[in-house]
Amino acid sequence: TYRTAIDDYLKDPDYYRSRLDYYRSEISKCTFREYTTGFFFGRPDETAQIYDANTYVKDWVYLGMADAEKVYCPEPGRVYYQLEQKNKFCVGDSVEIMKHTGENLQVRVLDMVNENFEHMDSCPHPRQKFYVDLGTELETLEIIRSNQA
């Protein structure tokens, strides 16, 4: 999102200003801690502290990033892409692809196979080598995420 905002500004500052709400919306989808004023107004007291043990706001989950490798499965017409997986997801899940164009594309996980092309219902292990069919083309480094809200 920051890269897109910078590129948009360099291309056309008016276009950049027209998309400020979009940039804020995308940035707010990242995991973050609750906001405080911290030390801005001096030494914080108990009203400026967050004592909750789990202060992260996490409505969206980062699932993985597309790799460059496109693989054609033995099944006719199916194309799978290798992902560098970070969090568990399953066949049938609705996920979002953050495209390089700035578009966010909603898709469904159609299928997953391991490196031996054996079908899998889910991908539970981070950094597991597998391939996924999302019904659309992926480009290297496009981000896959899901809304857990």
C-alpha atoms as a PDB file:
ATOM      1  CA  THR A   1       0.000   0.000   0.000  1.00  0.00           C
ATOM      2  CA  TYR A   2       2.818   2.401   0.794  1.00  0.00           C
ATOM      3  CA  ARG A   3       4.503   1.538  -2.518  1.00  0.00           C
ATOM      4  CA  THR A   4       1.252   2.137  -4.398  1.00  0.00           C
ATOM      5  CA  ALA A   5       0.672   5.447  -2.609  1.00  0.00           C
ATOM      6  CA  ILE A   6       4.178   6.677  -3.430  1.00  0.00           C
ATOM      7  CA  ASP A   7       3.873   5.612  -7.067  1.00  0.00           C
ATOM      8  CA  ASP A   8       0.437   7.236  -7.359  1.00  0.00           C
ATOM      9  CA  TYR A   9       1.743  10.490  -5.908  1.00  0.00           C
ATOM     10  CA  LEU A  10       4.722  10.578  -8.260  1.00  0.00           C
ATOM     11  CA  LYS A  11       2.438   9.897 -11.220  1.00  0.00           C
ATOM     12  CA  ASP A  12      -0.311  12.372 -10.254  1.00  0.00           C
ATOM     13  CA  PRO A  13      -0.620  14.150  -6.883  1.00  0.00           C
ATOM     14  CA  ASP A  14      -4.344  14.826  -7.453  1.00  0.00           C
ATOM     15  CA  TYR A  15      -4.995  11.140  -8.108  1.00  0.00           C
ATOM     16  CA  TYR A  16      -3.023  10.313  -4.941  1.00  0.00           C
ATOM     17  CA  ARG A  17      -5.172  12.723  -2.876  1.00  0.00           C
ATOM     18  CA  SER A  18      -8.366  11.198  -4.311  1.00  0.00           C
ATOM     19  CA  ARG A  19      -7.290   7.773  -2.976  1.00  0.00           C
ATOM     20  CA  LEU A  20      -6.321   8.726   0.589  1.00  0.00           C
ATOM     21  CA  ASP A  21      -9.302   6.839   2.057  1.00  0.00           C
ATOM     22  CA  TYR A  22      -8.291   3.710   0.121  1.00  0.00           C
ATOM     23  CA  TYR A  23      -4.694   3.847   1.425  1.00  0.00           C
ATOM     24  CA  ARG A  24      -5.892   4.331   5.010  1.00  0.00           C
ATOM     25  CA  SER A  25      -8.331   1.452   4.662  1.00  0.00           C
ATOM     26  CA  GLU A  26      -5.636  -0.907   3.371  1.00  0.00           C
ATOM     27  CA  ILE A  27      -3.102   0.076   6.024  1.00  0.00           C
ATOM     28  CA  SER A  28      -5.688  -0.429   8.769  1.00  0.00           C
ATOM     29  CA  LYS A  29      -6.077  -4.068   7.642  1.00  0.00           C
ATOM     30  CA  CYS A  30      -2.585  -4.844   8.939  1.00  0.00           C
ATOM     31  CA  THR A  31      -2.189  -6.300  12.409  1.00  0.00           C
ATOM     32  CA  PHE A  32      -1.499  -3.480  14.836  1.00  0.00           C
ATOM     33  CA  ARG A  33      -1.509  -2.672  18.519  1.00  0.00           C
ATOM     34  CA  GLU A  34      -4.160  -0.414  19.975  1.00  0.00           C
ATOM     35  CA  TYR A  35      -3.155   3.219  19.691  1.00  0.00           C
ATOM     36  CA  THR A  36      -2.165   5.410  22.618  1.00  0.00           C
ATOM     37  CA  THR A  37      -0.603   8.848  22.895  1.00  0.00           C
ATOM     38  CA  GLY A  38       2.470   7.224  24.437  1.00  0.00           C
ATOM     39  CA  PHE A  39       4.900   9.878  25.639  1.00  0.00           C
ATOM     40  CA  PHE A  40       3.575  12.614  23.302  1.00  0.00           C
ATOM     41  CA  PHE A  41       1.993  14.588  26.178  1.00  0.00           C
ATOM     42  CA  GLY A  42       4.714  13.788  28.697  1.00  0.00           C
ATOM     43  CA  ARG A  43       5.090  10.839  31.028  1.00  0.00           C
ATOM     44  CA  PRO A  44       2.050   8.553  30.591  1.00  0.00           C
ATOM     45  CA  ASP A  45      -0.112   7.643  33.568  1.00  0.00           C
ATOM     46  CA  GLU A  46      -2.429   4.640  33.993  1.00  0.00           C
ATOM     47  CA  THR A  47      -5.058   6.165  31.651  1.00  0.00           C
ATOM     48  CA  ALA A  48      -2.564   6.176  28.780  1.00  0.00           C
ATOM     49  CA  GLN A  49      -1.509   2.564  29.256  1.00  0.00           C
ATOM     50  CA  ILE A  50      -3.024  -0.583  27.778  1.00  0.00           C
ATOM     51  CA  TYR A  51      -2.864  -3.387  30.304  1.00  0.00           C
ATOM     52  CA  ASP A  52      -4.709  -6.015  28.294  1.00  0.00           C
ATOM     53  CA  ALA A  53      -2.425  -9.008  27.679  1.00  0.00           C
ATOM     54  CA  ASN A  54      -3.481  -9.296  24.037  1.00  0.00           C
ATOM     55  CA  THR A  55      -3.487  -5.811  22.555  1.00  0.00           C
ATOM     56  CA  TYR A  56      -3.125  -6.702  18.885  1.00  0.00           C
ATOM     57  CA  VAL A  57      -5.985  -5.859  16.546  1.00  0.00           C
ATOM     58  CA  LYS A  58      -6.045  -8.577  13.908  1.00  0.00           C
ATOM     59  CA  ASP A  59      -9.056  -8.625  11.587  1.00  0.00           C
ATOM     60  CA  TRP A  60      -7.116  -9.721   8.519  1.00  0.00           C
ATOM     61  CA  VAL A  61      -4.726 -12.682   8.381  1.00  0.00           C
ATOM     62  CA  TYR A  62      -1.709 -12.803   6.096  1.00  0.00           C
ATOM     63  CA  LEU A  63      -1.828 -16.233   4.429  1.00  0.00           C
ATOM     64  CA  GLY A  64       1.107 -16.113   2.074  1.00  0.00           C
ATOM     65  CA  MET A  65       2.844 -14.679  -0.926  1.00  0.00           C
ATOM     66  CA  ALA A  66       2.819 -15.936  -4.495  1.00  0.00           C
ATOM     67  CA  ASP A  67       5.984 -17.479  -5.842  1.00  0.00           C
ATOM     68  CA  ALA A  68       7.082 -17.190  -9.458  1.00  0.00           C
ATOM     69  CA  GLU A  69       6.482 -20.845 -10.169  1.00  0.00           C
ATOM     70  CA  LYS A  70       3.389 -21.722 -12.220  1.00  0.00           C
ATOM     71  CA  VAL A  71       2.668 -25.443 -12.425  1.00  0.00           C
ATOM     72  CA  TYR A  72       0.284 -27.260 -14.706  1.00  0.00           C
ATOM     73  CA  CYS A  73      -1.365 -30.123 -12.869  1.00  0.00           C
ATOM     74  CA  PRO A  74      -1.930 -33.501 -14.498  1.00  0.00           C
ATOM     75  CA  GLU A  75      -5.654 -32.645 -14.451  1.00  0.00           C
ATOM     76  CA  PRO A  76      -6.490 -30.890 -17.753  1.00  0.00           C
ATOM     77  CA  GLY A  77      -7.152 -27.186 -17.502  1.00  0.00           C
ATOM     78  CA  ARG A  78      -5.925 -26.697 -13.928  1.00  0.00           C
ATOM     79  CA  VAL A  79      -3.114 -24.290 -13.166  1.00  0.00           C
ATOM     80  CA  TYR A  80      -1.524 -24.131  -9.735  1.00  0.00           C
ATOM     81  CA  TYR A  81       0.842 -21.594  -8.250  1.00  0.00           C
ATOM     82  CA  GLN A  82       3.367 -22.171  -5.530  1.00  0.00           C
ATOM     83  CA  LEU A  83       2.809 -20.080  -2.409  1.00  0.00           C
ATOM     84  CA  GLU A  84       5.085 -19.238   0.458  1.00  0.00           C
ATOM     85  CA  GLN A  85       2.509 -19.999   3.136  1.00  0.00           C
ATOM     86  CA  LYS A  86       2.430 -18.234   6.520  1.00  0.00           C
ATOM     87  CA  ASN A  87      -0.911 -19.164   8.134  1.00  0.00           C
ATOM     88  CA  LYS A  88      -3.357 -22.017   7.767  1.00  0.00           C
ATOM     89  CA  PHE A  89      -6.141 -21.894   5.209  1.00  0.00           C
ATOM     90  CA  CYS A  90      -8.377 -24.482   3.556  1.00  0.00           C
ATOM     91  CA  VAL A  91      -9.929 -25.479   0.263  1.00  0.00           C
ATOM     92  CA  GLY A  92     -13.209 -23.576  -0.034  1.00  0.00           C
ATOM     93  CA  ASP A  93     -12.017 -20.546   1.959  1.00  0.00           C
ATOM     94  CA  SER A  94     -12.691 -17.093   0.562  1.00  0.00           C
ATOM     95  CA  VAL A  95      -9.421 -15.169   0.286  1.00  0.00           C
ATOM     96  CA  GLU A  96      -8.249 -11.876  -1.147  1.00  0.00           C
ATOM     97  CA  ILE A  97      -5.354 -11.364  -3.526  1.00  0.00           C
ATOM     98  CA  MET A  98      -3.607  -8.008  -3.291  1.00  0.00           C
ATOM     99  CA  LYS A  99      -2.697  -7.511  -6.957  1.00  0.00           C
ATOM    100  CA  HIS A 100       0.245  -5.388  -8.089  1.00  0.00           C
ATOM    101  CA  THR A 101      -2.228  -3.123  -9.864  1.00  0.00           C
ATOM    102  CA  GLY A 102      -3.652  -2.032  -6.488  1.00  0.00           C
ATOM    103  CA  GLU A 103      -6.801  -4.090  -7.036  1.00  0.00           C
ATOM    104  CA  ASN A 104      -7.964  -6.458  -4.294  1.00  0.00           C
ATOM    105  CA  LEU A 105      -9.463  -9.555  -5.875  1.00  0.00           C
ATOM    106  CA  GLN A 106     -11.836 -11.818  -3.893  1.00  0.00           C
ATOM    107  CA  VAL A 107     -11.450 -15.484  -4.856  1.00  0.00           C
ATOM    108  CA  ARG A 108     -12.178 -18.914  -3.460  1.00  0.00           C
ATOM    109  CA  VAL A 109      -9.506 -21.546  -2.820  1.00  0.00           C
ATOM    110  CA  LEU A 110     -10.457 -24.161  -5.413  1.00  0.00           C
ATOM    111  CA  ASP A 111      -7.807 -26.779  -4.685  1.00  0.00           C
ATOM    112  CA  MET A 112      -4.449 -27.455  -3.051  1.00  0.00           C
ATOM    113  CA  VAL A 113      -1.876 -30.111  -3.814  1.00  0.00           C
ATOM    114  CA  ASN A 114       1.426 -31.025  -2.205  1.00  0.00           C
ATOM    115  CA  GLU A 115       4.669 -31.295  -4.158  1.00  0.00           C
ATOM    116  CA  ASN A 116       3.634 -34.815  -5.267  1.00  0.00           C
ATOM    117  CA  PHE A 117       0.322 -33.444  -6.629  1.00  0.00           C
ATOM    118  CA  GLU A 118      -1.673 -35.192  -3.907  1.00  0.00           C
ATOM    119  CA  HIS A 119      -4.814 -33.257  -2.968  1.00  0.00           C
ATOM    120  CA  MET A 120      -4.893 -31.548   0.439  1.00  0.00           C
ATOM    121  CA  ASP A 121      -7.872 -30.101   2.334  1.00  0.00           C
ATOM    122  CA  SER A 122      -5.768 -27.522   4.135  1.00  0.00           C
ATOM    123  CA  CYS A 123      -2.274 -26.192   4.436  1.00  0.00           C
ATOM    124  CA  PRO A 124      -1.561 -26.260   8.175  1.00  0.00           C
ATOM    125  CA  HIS A 125       2.233 -25.909   8.319  1.00  0.00           C
ATOM    126  CA  PRO A 126       3.996 -22.575   7.741  1.00  0.00           C
ATOM    127  CA  ARG A 127       6.556 -22.697   4.929  1.00  0.00           C
ATOM    128  CA  GLN A 128       5.088 -25.971   3.668  1.00  0.00           C
ATOM    129  CA  LYS A 129       5.738 -26.483  -0.045  1.00  0.00           C
ATOM    130  CA  PHE A 130       2.416 -26.726  -1.867  1.00  0.00           C
ATOM    131  CA  TYR A 131       0.528 -25.426  -4.856  1.00  0.00           C
ATOM    132  CA  VAL A 132      -2.855 -23.726  -4.949  1.00  0.00           C
ATOM    133  CA  ASP A 133      -5.531 -23.160  -7.570  1.00  0.00           C
ATOM    134  CA  LEU A 134      -7.344 -19.867  -6.946  1.00  0.00           C
ATOM    135  CA  GLY A 135      -9.021 -19.788 -10.345  1.00  0.00           C
ATOM    136  CA  THR A 136      -6.974 -16.811 -11.487  1.00  0.00           C
ATOM    137  CA  GLU A 137      -3.410 -15.960 -12.426  1.00  0.00           C
ATOM    138  CA  LEU A 138      -0.957 -14.911  -9.747  1.00  0.00           C
ATOM    139  CA  GLU A 139       2.188 -12.866 -10.123  1.00  0.00           C
ATOM    140  CA  THR A 140       5.311 -13.110  -8.007  1.00  0.00           C
ATOM    141  CA  LEU A 141       4.997 -11.415  -4.608  1.00  0.00           C
ATOM    142  CA  GLU A 142       1.241 -10.850  -4.758  1.00  0.00           C
ATOM    143  CA  ILE A 143      -0.147 -11.160  -1.235  1.00  0.00           C
ATOM    144  CA  ILE A 144      -2.893 -13.577  -0.220  1.00  0.00           C
ATOM    145  CA  ARG A 145      -4.896 -12.689   2.891  1.00  0.00           C
ATOM    146  CA  SER A 146      -8.250 -13.398   4.503  1.00  0.00           C
ATOM    147  CA  ASN A 147     -10.686 -11.382   6.552  1.00  0.00           C
ATOM    148  CA  GLN A 148     -11.152 -13.062   9.922  1.00  0.00           C
ATOM    149  CA  ALA A 149     -13.516 -10.411  11.309  1.00  0.00           C
END
